[in-house]
Amino acid sequence: MTIDDKSLSVSRAVSELERALGRELRHAVFVVEQGVPVDVEIDGLDDVCQHFLVRSAEQAVATARARTTERGWKIERVAVALPYRRQALGKRLVRHMLLEAPQDALVYVHAQESALGFWERLGFVADGPRFVEGGIGHRRMSWRRP
């Protein structure tokens, strides 16, 4: 499905309804599509995260969360609904999140190996060894501020 750019909004998901829309989308992408175990996807950290949502009209089409860790500000659970992929929605979402990142914090991700190019195009650089999370190969990547 092609999205009309005028109908898009990117913002923090603060209400319970908005956060529920994000959880539903994450479940569809990570658990149903990718086979990540539910107990890995639902990790008990949602309450300490900032949540973000991309909407087209009232429909959630992309979501992510971020949290402060000992290492810095970690972007996690970036998910785009299957019919809306390849339209730069993930890029738009992450760019919005980077604008909200704490200025003094290192911003990093645990990137799925299949998405390394996506993160590199956003200015992230791999800086850790390969590891497996939720049955999927990952690399830690850090954002190089412009």
N, C-alpha and C. Protein backbone atom coordinates (compact mmCIF):
# COMPACT_ATOMS: atom_id res chain seq x y z
N MET A 1 0.84 -1.19 0.00
CA MET A 1 0.00 0.00 0.00
C MET A 1 0.88 1.24 0.00
N THR A 2 0.54 2.16 -0.82
CA THR A 2 1.28 3.41 -0.85
C THR A 2 0.59 4.40 0.07
N ILE A 3 1.41 5.10 0.83
CA ILE A 3 0.88 6.05 1.80
C ILE A 3 0.96 7.46 1.26
N ASP A 4 -0.08 8.21 1.48
CA ASP A 4 -0.08 9.64 1.16
C ASP A 4 0.69 10.35 2.26
N ASP A 5 1.78 10.98 1.90
CA ASP A 5 2.65 11.62 2.88
C ASP A 5 1.90 12.64 3.75
N LYS A 6 0.87 13.25 3.21
CA LYS A 6 0.12 14.26 3.96
C LYS A 6 -0.66 13.65 5.12
N SER A 7 -0.96 12.37 5.04
CA SER A 7 -1.74 11.72 6.10
C SER A 7 -0.86 11.18 7.22
N LEU A 8 0.47 11.26 7.07
CA LEU A 8 1.39 10.69 8.05
C LEU A 8 1.64 11.60 9.24
N SER A 9 1.74 10.99 10.40
CA SER A 9 2.19 11.71 11.59
C SER A 9 3.17 10.83 12.34
N VAL A 10 4.21 11.45 12.86
CA VAL A 10 5.21 10.76 13.67
C VAL A 10 5.25 11.47 15.01
N SER A 11 5.04 10.72 16.08
CA SER A 11 5.03 11.35 17.40
C SER A 11 5.29 10.32 18.48
N ARG A 12 5.46 10.82 19.68
CA ARG A 12 5.55 9.92 20.82
C ARG A 12 4.19 9.28 21.04
N ALA A 13 4.22 8.03 21.46
CA ALA A 13 3.00 7.31 21.81
C ALA A 13 2.87 7.38 23.32
N VAL A 14 2.01 8.26 23.80
CA VAL A 14 1.93 8.45 25.25
C VAL A 14 0.66 7.88 25.87
N SER A 15 -0.42 7.85 25.13
CA SER A 15 -1.66 7.31 25.71
C SER A 15 -1.60 5.79 25.70
N GLU A 16 -2.43 5.18 26.52
CA GLU A 16 -2.48 3.71 26.55
C GLU A 16 -2.95 3.17 25.20
N LEU A 17 -3.86 3.86 24.54
CA LEU A 17 -4.32 3.42 23.22
C LEU A 17 -3.18 3.44 22.22
N GLU A 18 -2.40 4.50 22.21
CA GLU A 18 -1.27 4.59 21.28
C GLU A 18 -0.24 3.50 21.55
N ARG A 19 0.04 3.29 22.82
CA ARG A 19 1.02 2.25 23.17
C ARG A 19 0.50 0.86 22.82
N ALA A 20 -0.80 0.65 22.96
CA ALA A 20 -1.40 -0.64 22.58
C ALA A 20 -1.29 -0.85 21.07
N LEU A 21 -1.47 0.21 20.28
CA LEU A 21 -1.31 0.09 18.84
C LEU A 21 0.12 -0.32 18.50
N GLY A 22 1.08 0.26 19.18
CA GLY A 22 2.48 -0.11 18.96
C GLY A 22 2.76 -1.54 19.34
N ARG A 23 2.22 -1.99 20.47
CA ARG A 23 2.43 -3.39 20.90
C ARG A 23 1.82 -4.37 19.89
N GLU A 24 0.64 -4.05 19.37
CA GLU A 24 0.00 -4.92 18.37
C GLU A 24 0.86 -5.03 17.12
N LEU A 25 1.41 -3.91 16.69
CA LEU A 25 2.25 -3.92 15.50
C LEU A 25 3.54 -4.70 15.76
N ARG A 26 4.15 -4.49 16.92
CA ARG A 26 5.36 -5.25 17.26
C ARG A 26 5.07 -6.75 17.28
N HIS A 27 3.94 -7.14 17.85
CA HIS A 27 3.58 -8.56 17.90
C HIS A 27 3.48 -9.13 16.47
N ALA A 28 2.80 -8.40 15.59
CA ALA A 28 2.64 -8.86 14.21
C ALA A 28 3.99 -9.03 13.51
N VAL A 29 4.89 -8.08 13.71
CA VAL A 29 6.18 -8.13 13.02
C VAL A 29 7.13 -9.12 13.66
N PHE A 30 7.34 -9.00 14.97
CA PHE A 30 8.37 -9.81 15.61
C PHE A 30 7.92 -11.24 15.93
N VAL A 31 6.75 -11.39 16.51
CA VAL A 31 6.31 -12.72 16.93
C VAL A 31 5.74 -13.50 15.75
N VAL A 32 4.78 -12.91 15.04
CA VAL A 32 4.11 -13.64 13.96
C VAL A 32 5.04 -13.80 12.75
N GLU A 33 5.59 -12.69 12.24
CA GLU A 33 6.42 -12.77 11.02
C GLU A 33 7.79 -13.40 11.26
N GLN A 34 8.48 -12.93 12.30
CA GLN A 34 9.87 -13.33 12.49
C GLN A 34 10.07 -14.49 13.45
N GLY A 35 9.03 -14.90 14.13
CA GLY A 35 9.13 -16.04 15.02
C GLY A 35 9.87 -15.79 16.32
N VAL A 36 9.96 -14.53 16.73
CA VAL A 36 10.60 -14.21 18.02
C VAL A 36 9.67 -14.71 19.13
N PRO A 37 10.21 -15.41 20.12
CA PRO A 37 9.36 -15.88 21.22
C PRO A 37 8.66 -14.71 21.93
N VAL A 38 7.42 -14.92 22.32
CA VAL A 38 6.64 -13.87 22.98
C VAL A 38 7.36 -13.35 24.21
N ASP A 39 7.99 -14.24 24.99
CA ASP A 39 8.65 -13.78 26.22
C ASP A 39 9.91 -12.96 25.94
N VAL A 40 10.43 -13.01 24.73
CA VAL A 40 11.54 -12.13 24.34
C VAL A 40 10.99 -10.78 23.90
N GLU A 41 9.92 -10.80 23.11
CA GLU A 41 9.30 -9.55 22.65
C GLU A 41 8.71 -8.78 23.84
N ILE A 42 8.00 -9.45 24.71
CA ILE A 42 7.42 -8.81 25.90
C ILE A 42 8.43 -8.98 27.02
N ASP A 43 9.33 -8.01 27.14
CA ASP A 43 10.48 -8.15 28.05
C ASP A 43 10.32 -7.42 29.38
N GLY A 44 9.16 -6.82 29.61
CA GLY A 44 8.94 -6.12 30.87
C GLY A 44 9.55 -4.73 30.94
N LEU A 45 10.08 -4.23 29.84
CA LEU A 45 10.74 -2.92 29.84
C LEU A 45 9.90 -1.80 29.24
N ASP A 46 8.73 -2.11 28.72
CA ASP A 46 7.92 -1.07 28.08
C ASP A 46 7.65 0.12 28.98
N ASP A 47 7.48 -0.12 30.27
CA ASP A 47 7.15 0.98 31.18
C ASP A 47 8.30 1.96 31.39
N VAL A 48 9.53 1.56 31.08
CA VAL A 48 10.68 2.47 31.25
C VAL A 48 11.15 3.03 29.91
N CYS A 49 10.37 2.81 28.86
CA CYS A 49 10.74 3.27 27.52
C CYS A 49 9.89 4.45 27.08
N GLN A 50 10.44 5.21 26.14
CA GLN A 50 9.69 6.20 25.40
C GLN A 50 9.23 5.50 24.12
N HIS A 51 7.96 5.62 23.80
CA HIS A 51 7.40 4.93 22.64
C HIS A 51 7.07 5.93 21.55
N PHE A 52 7.22 5.48 20.30
CA PHE A 52 6.99 6.34 19.14
C PHE A 52 6.10 5.59 18.16
N LEU A 53 5.31 6.36 17.42
CA LEU A 53 4.33 5.76 16.52
C LEU A 53 4.24 6.59 15.25
N VAL A 54 4.20 5.91 14.12
CA VAL A 54 3.89 6.54 12.84
C VAL A 54 2.48 6.10 12.49
N ARG A 55 1.65 7.09 12.17
CA ARG A 55 0.27 6.80 11.81
C ARG A 55 -0.03 7.34 10.42
N SER A 56 -0.88 6.62 9.74
CA SER A 56 -1.49 7.10 8.51
C SER A 56 -2.96 7.18 8.84
N ALA A 57 -3.46 8.40 8.94
CA ALA A 57 -4.80 8.64 9.48
C ALA A 57 -4.81 8.07 10.90
N GLU A 58 -5.65 7.11 11.20
CA GLU A 58 -5.69 6.55 12.55
C GLU A 58 -5.00 5.20 12.65
N GLN A 59 -4.44 4.72 11.54
CA GLN A 59 -3.83 3.40 11.53
C GLN A 59 -2.34 3.48 11.87
N ALA A 60 -1.89 2.63 12.79
CA ALA A 60 -0.47 2.55 13.14
C ALA A 60 0.25 1.79 12.03
N VAL A 61 1.29 2.41 11.46
CA VAL A 61 2.02 1.78 10.37
C VAL A 61 3.49 1.50 10.72
N ALA A 62 3.99 2.14 11.78
CA ALA A 62 5.35 1.89 12.25
C ALA A 62 5.44 2.27 13.72
N THR A 63 6.36 1.62 14.42
CA THR A 63 6.52 1.90 15.84
C THR A 63 7.96 1.60 16.26
N ALA A 64 8.34 2.15 17.39
CA ALA A 64 9.65 1.87 17.99
C ALA A 64 9.60 2.37 19.43
N ARG A 65 10.63 2.00 20.17
CA ARG A 65 10.76 2.51 21.53
C ARG A 65 12.23 2.83 21.76
N ALA A 66 12.49 3.61 22.80
CA ALA A 66 13.87 3.93 23.18
C ALA A 66 13.93 4.02 24.69
N ARG A 67 15.12 3.71 25.21
CA ARG A 67 15.29 3.79 26.66
C ARG A 67 16.74 4.12 26.99
N THR A 68 16.91 4.67 28.17
CA THR A 68 18.23 4.97 28.68
C THR A 68 18.80 3.72 29.34
N THR A 69 20.03 3.39 28.98
CA THR A 69 20.73 2.26 29.58
C THR A 69 22.06 2.77 30.13
N GLU A 70 22.85 1.88 30.71
CA GLU A 70 24.17 2.27 31.21
C GLU A 70 25.07 2.73 30.08
N ARG A 71 24.83 2.23 28.88
CA ARG A 71 25.68 2.57 27.73
C ARG A 71 25.25 3.87 27.05
N GLY A 72 23.96 4.19 27.08
CA GLY A 72 23.45 5.37 26.39
C GLY A 72 21.96 5.28 26.15
N TRP A 73 21.52 5.79 25.01
CA TRP A 73 20.10 5.81 24.64
C TRP A 73 19.91 4.77 23.55
N LYS A 74 19.18 3.71 23.86
CA LYS A 74 19.03 2.57 22.98
C LYS A 74 17.69 2.60 22.25
N ILE A 75 17.76 2.63 20.92
CA ILE A 75 16.56 2.53 20.09
C ILE A 75 16.27 1.04 19.89
N GLU A 76 15.02 0.66 20.11
CA GLU A 76 14.65 -0.75 20.06
C GLU A 76 13.31 -0.94 19.37
N ARG A 77 13.06 -2.18 19.00
CA ARG A 77 11.74 -2.64 18.54
C ARG A 77 11.20 -1.80 17.38
N VAL A 78 12.06 -1.45 16.46
CA VAL A 78 11.61 -0.70 15.27
C VAL A 78 10.87 -1.68 14.37
N ALA A 79 9.61 -1.37 14.10
CA ALA A 79 8.77 -2.27 13.30
C ALA A 79 7.89 -1.46 12.35
N VAL A 80 7.82 -1.92 11.12
CA VAL A 80 6.95 -1.30 10.11
C VAL A 80 6.00 -2.39 9.62
N ALA A 81 4.72 -2.06 9.56
CA ALA A 81 3.72 -3.02 9.10
C ALA A 81 4.05 -3.48 7.68
N LEU A 82 3.90 -4.76 7.43
CA LEU A 82 4.29 -5.37 6.16
C LEU A 82 3.78 -4.62 4.92
N PRO A 83 2.52 -4.24 4.85
CA PRO A 83 2.06 -3.57 3.61
C PRO A 83 2.68 -2.19 3.38
N TYR A 84 3.36 -1.64 4.39
CA TYR A 84 3.87 -0.27 4.30
C TYR A 84 5.39 -0.19 4.22
N ARG A 85 6.04 -1.32 4.03
CA ARG A 85 7.50 -1.32 3.94
C ARG A 85 7.96 -0.77 2.60
N ARG A 86 9.21 -0.37 2.57
CA ARG A 86 9.86 0.18 1.36
C ARG A 86 9.29 1.54 0.98
N GLN A 87 8.80 2.29 1.98
CA GLN A 87 8.30 3.64 1.75
C GLN A 87 9.01 4.65 2.66
N ALA A 88 10.13 4.25 3.24
CA ALA A 88 10.96 5.10 4.09
C ALA A 88 10.28 5.48 5.41
N LEU A 89 9.31 4.70 5.85
CA LEU A 89 8.65 5.00 7.12
C LEU A 89 9.57 4.73 8.30
N GLY A 90 10.35 3.64 8.23
CA GLY A 90 11.31 3.36 9.29
C GLY A 90 12.35 4.46 9.39
N LYS A 91 12.82 4.91 8.26
CA LYS A 91 13.80 6.01 8.21
C LYS A 91 13.21 7.28 8.83
N ARG A 92 12.00 7.59 8.46
CA ARG A 92 11.34 8.79 9.00
C ARG A 92 11.17 8.68 10.52
N LEU A 93 10.76 7.49 10.97
CA LEU A 93 10.58 7.26 12.40
C LEU A 93 11.89 7.42 13.16
N VAL A 94 12.94 6.78 12.69
CA VAL A 94 14.23 6.84 13.39
C VAL A 94 14.79 8.25 13.37
N ARG A 95 14.66 8.95 12.26
CA ARG A 95 15.14 10.35 12.22
C ARG A 95 14.42 11.21 13.26
N HIS A 96 13.12 10.98 13.40
CA HIS A 96 12.36 11.70 14.43
C HIS A 96 12.90 11.37 15.82
N MET A 97 13.17 10.10 16.05
CA MET A 97 13.69 9.67 17.35
C MET A 97 15.07 10.28 17.63
N LEU A 98 15.90 10.36 16.61
CA LEU A 98 17.23 10.93 16.79
C LEU A 98 17.16 12.40 17.19
N LEU A 99 16.14 13.10 16.71
CA LEU A 99 15.95 14.50 17.12
C LEU A 99 15.59 14.60 18.59
N GLU A 100 14.98 13.56 19.13
CA GLU A 100 14.57 13.56 20.54
C GLU A 100 15.59 12.89 21.45
N ALA A 101 16.66 12.36 20.88
CA ALA A 101 17.68 11.69 21.70
C ALA A 101 18.38 12.69 22.61
N PRO A 102 18.70 12.28 23.83
CA PRO A 102 19.44 13.18 24.73
C PRO A 102 20.76 13.58 24.07
N GLN A 103 21.06 14.87 24.10
CA GLN A 103 22.23 15.40 23.40
C GLN A 103 23.55 14.82 23.90
N ASP A 104 23.62 14.48 25.17
CA ASP A 104 24.88 14.01 25.74
C ASP A 104 25.01 12.49 25.76
N ALA A 105 24.05 11.79 25.18
CA ALA A 105 24.06 10.32 25.25
C ALA A 105 24.52 9.70 23.94
N LEU A 106 25.23 8.59 24.06
CA LEU A 106 25.52 7.76 22.90
C LEU A 106 24.21 7.10 22.48
N VAL A 107 23.88 7.15 21.20
CA VAL A 107 22.68 6.51 20.69
C VAL A 107 23.12 5.23 19.99
N TYR A 108 22.46 4.12 20.34
CA TYR A 108 22.86 2.84 19.75
C TYR A 108 21.66 1.93 19.57
N VAL A 109 21.89 0.87 18.79
CA VAL A 109 20.87 -0.14 18.52
C VAL A 109 21.51 -1.51 18.55
N HIS A 110 20.69 -2.53 18.71
CA HIS A 110 21.06 -3.91 18.43
C HIS A 110 20.35 -4.23 17.12
N ALA A 111 21.07 -4.11 16.01
CA ALA A 111 20.47 -4.22 14.68
C ALA A 111 20.44 -5.65 14.19
N GLN A 112 19.30 -6.06 13.67
CA GLN A 112 19.23 -7.36 13.01
C GLN A 112 20.18 -7.31 11.81
N GLU A 113 20.87 -8.41 11.57
CA GLU A 113 21.83 -8.44 10.46
C GLU A 113 21.18 -8.09 9.13
N SER A 114 19.94 -8.47 8.93
CA SER A 114 19.26 -8.16 7.67
C SER A 114 18.99 -6.67 7.52
N ALA A 115 19.12 -5.89 8.59
CA ALA A 115 18.82 -4.46 8.55
C ALA A 115 20.07 -3.59 8.71
N LEU A 116 21.25 -4.17 8.63
CA LEU A 116 22.47 -3.38 8.82
C LEU A 116 22.55 -2.21 7.84
N GLY A 117 22.20 -2.44 6.59
CA GLY A 117 22.24 -1.36 5.59
C GLY A 117 21.31 -0.22 5.94
N PHE A 118 20.14 -0.54 6.43
CA PHE A 118 19.18 0.48 6.86
C PHE A 118 19.82 1.39 7.90
N TRP A 119 20.43 0.79 8.91
CA TRP A 119 21.03 1.57 10.00
C TRP A 119 22.26 2.34 9.52
N GLU A 120 23.05 1.74 8.63
CA GLU A 120 24.23 2.43 8.10
C GLU A 120 23.81 3.69 7.34
N ARG A 121 22.74 3.61 6.56
CA ARG A 121 22.26 4.78 5.80
C ARG A 121 21.78 5.90 6.73
N LEU A 122 21.46 5.56 7.97
CA LEU A 122 21.04 6.57 8.95
C LEU A 122 22.22 7.09 9.77
N GLY A 123 23.43 6.63 9.46
CA GLY A 123 24.61 7.12 10.16
C GLY A 123 25.10 6.26 11.30
N PHE A 124 24.60 5.04 11.41
CA PHE A 124 25.05 4.13 12.47
C PHE A 124 26.22 3.30 11.95
N VAL A 125 27.13 2.96 12.87
CA VAL A 125 28.32 2.19 12.53
C VAL A 125 28.38 0.98 13.46
N ALA A 126 28.63 -0.20 12.89
CA ALA A 126 28.75 -1.42 13.70
C ALA A 126 29.98 -1.29 14.59
N ASP A 127 29.80 -1.60 15.88
CA ASP A 127 30.92 -1.47 16.81
C ASP A 127 30.96 -2.61 17.82
N GLY A 128 30.38 -3.72 17.47
CA GLY A 128 30.39 -4.87 18.36
C GLY A 128 30.33 -6.15 17.57
N PRO A 129 30.64 -7.27 18.20
CA PRO A 129 30.60 -8.55 17.50
C PRO A 129 29.16 -9.02 17.25
N ARG A 130 29.02 -9.98 16.37
CA ARG A 130 27.74 -10.60 16.08
C ARG A 130 27.25 -11.32 17.32
N PHE A 131 25.94 -11.26 17.57
CA PHE A 131 25.33 -12.03 18.65
C PHE A 131 23.92 -12.41 18.23
N VAL A 132 23.33 -13.35 18.93
CA VAL A 132 21.98 -13.82 18.61
C VAL A 132 21.04 -13.36 19.71
N GLU A 133 19.93 -12.78 19.29
CA GLU A 133 18.90 -12.30 20.20
C GLU A 133 17.55 -12.71 19.61
N GLY A 134 16.74 -13.41 20.36
CA GLY A 134 15.45 -13.86 19.86
C GLY A 134 15.57 -14.81 18.67
N GLY A 135 16.70 -15.52 18.59
CA GLY A 135 16.93 -16.44 17.49
C GLY A 135 17.39 -15.79 16.20
N ILE A 136 17.73 -14.49 16.25
CA ILE A 136 18.10 -13.73 15.05
C ILE A 136 19.48 -13.10 15.27
N GLY A 137 20.35 -13.17 14.26
CA GLY A 137 21.67 -12.55 14.34
C GLY A 137 21.58 -11.04 14.39
N HIS A 138 22.38 -10.43 15.26
CA HIS A 138 22.39 -8.98 15.46
C HIS A 138 23.83 -8.46 15.53
N ARG A 139 23.96 -7.16 15.39
CA ARG A 139 25.21 -6.44 15.66
C ARG A 139 24.85 -5.17 16.41
N ARG A 140 25.68 -4.79 17.37
CA ARG A 140 25.50 -3.50 18.03
C ARG A 140 26.02 -2.42 17.08
N MET A 141 25.27 -1.33 16.97
CA MET A 141 25.66 -0.21 16.12
C MET A 141 25.46 1.08 16.88
N SER A 142 26.35 2.02 16.70
CA SER A 142 26.26 3.33 17.36
C SER A 142 26.10 4.41 16.32
N TRP A 143 25.35 5.44 16.69
CA TRP A 143 25.09 6.56 15.79
C TRP A 143 26.21 7.58 15.90
N ARG A 144 26.69 7.97 14.76
CA ARG A 144 27.70 9.03 14.68
C ARG A 144 26.97 10.33 14.40
N ARG A 145 26.91 11.18 15.41
CA ARG A 145 26.20 12.46 15.23
C ARG A 145 26.85 13.27 14.14
N PRO A 146 26.02 13.92 13.30
CA PRO A 146 26.59 14.75 12.21
C PRO A 146 27.30 15.97 12.74
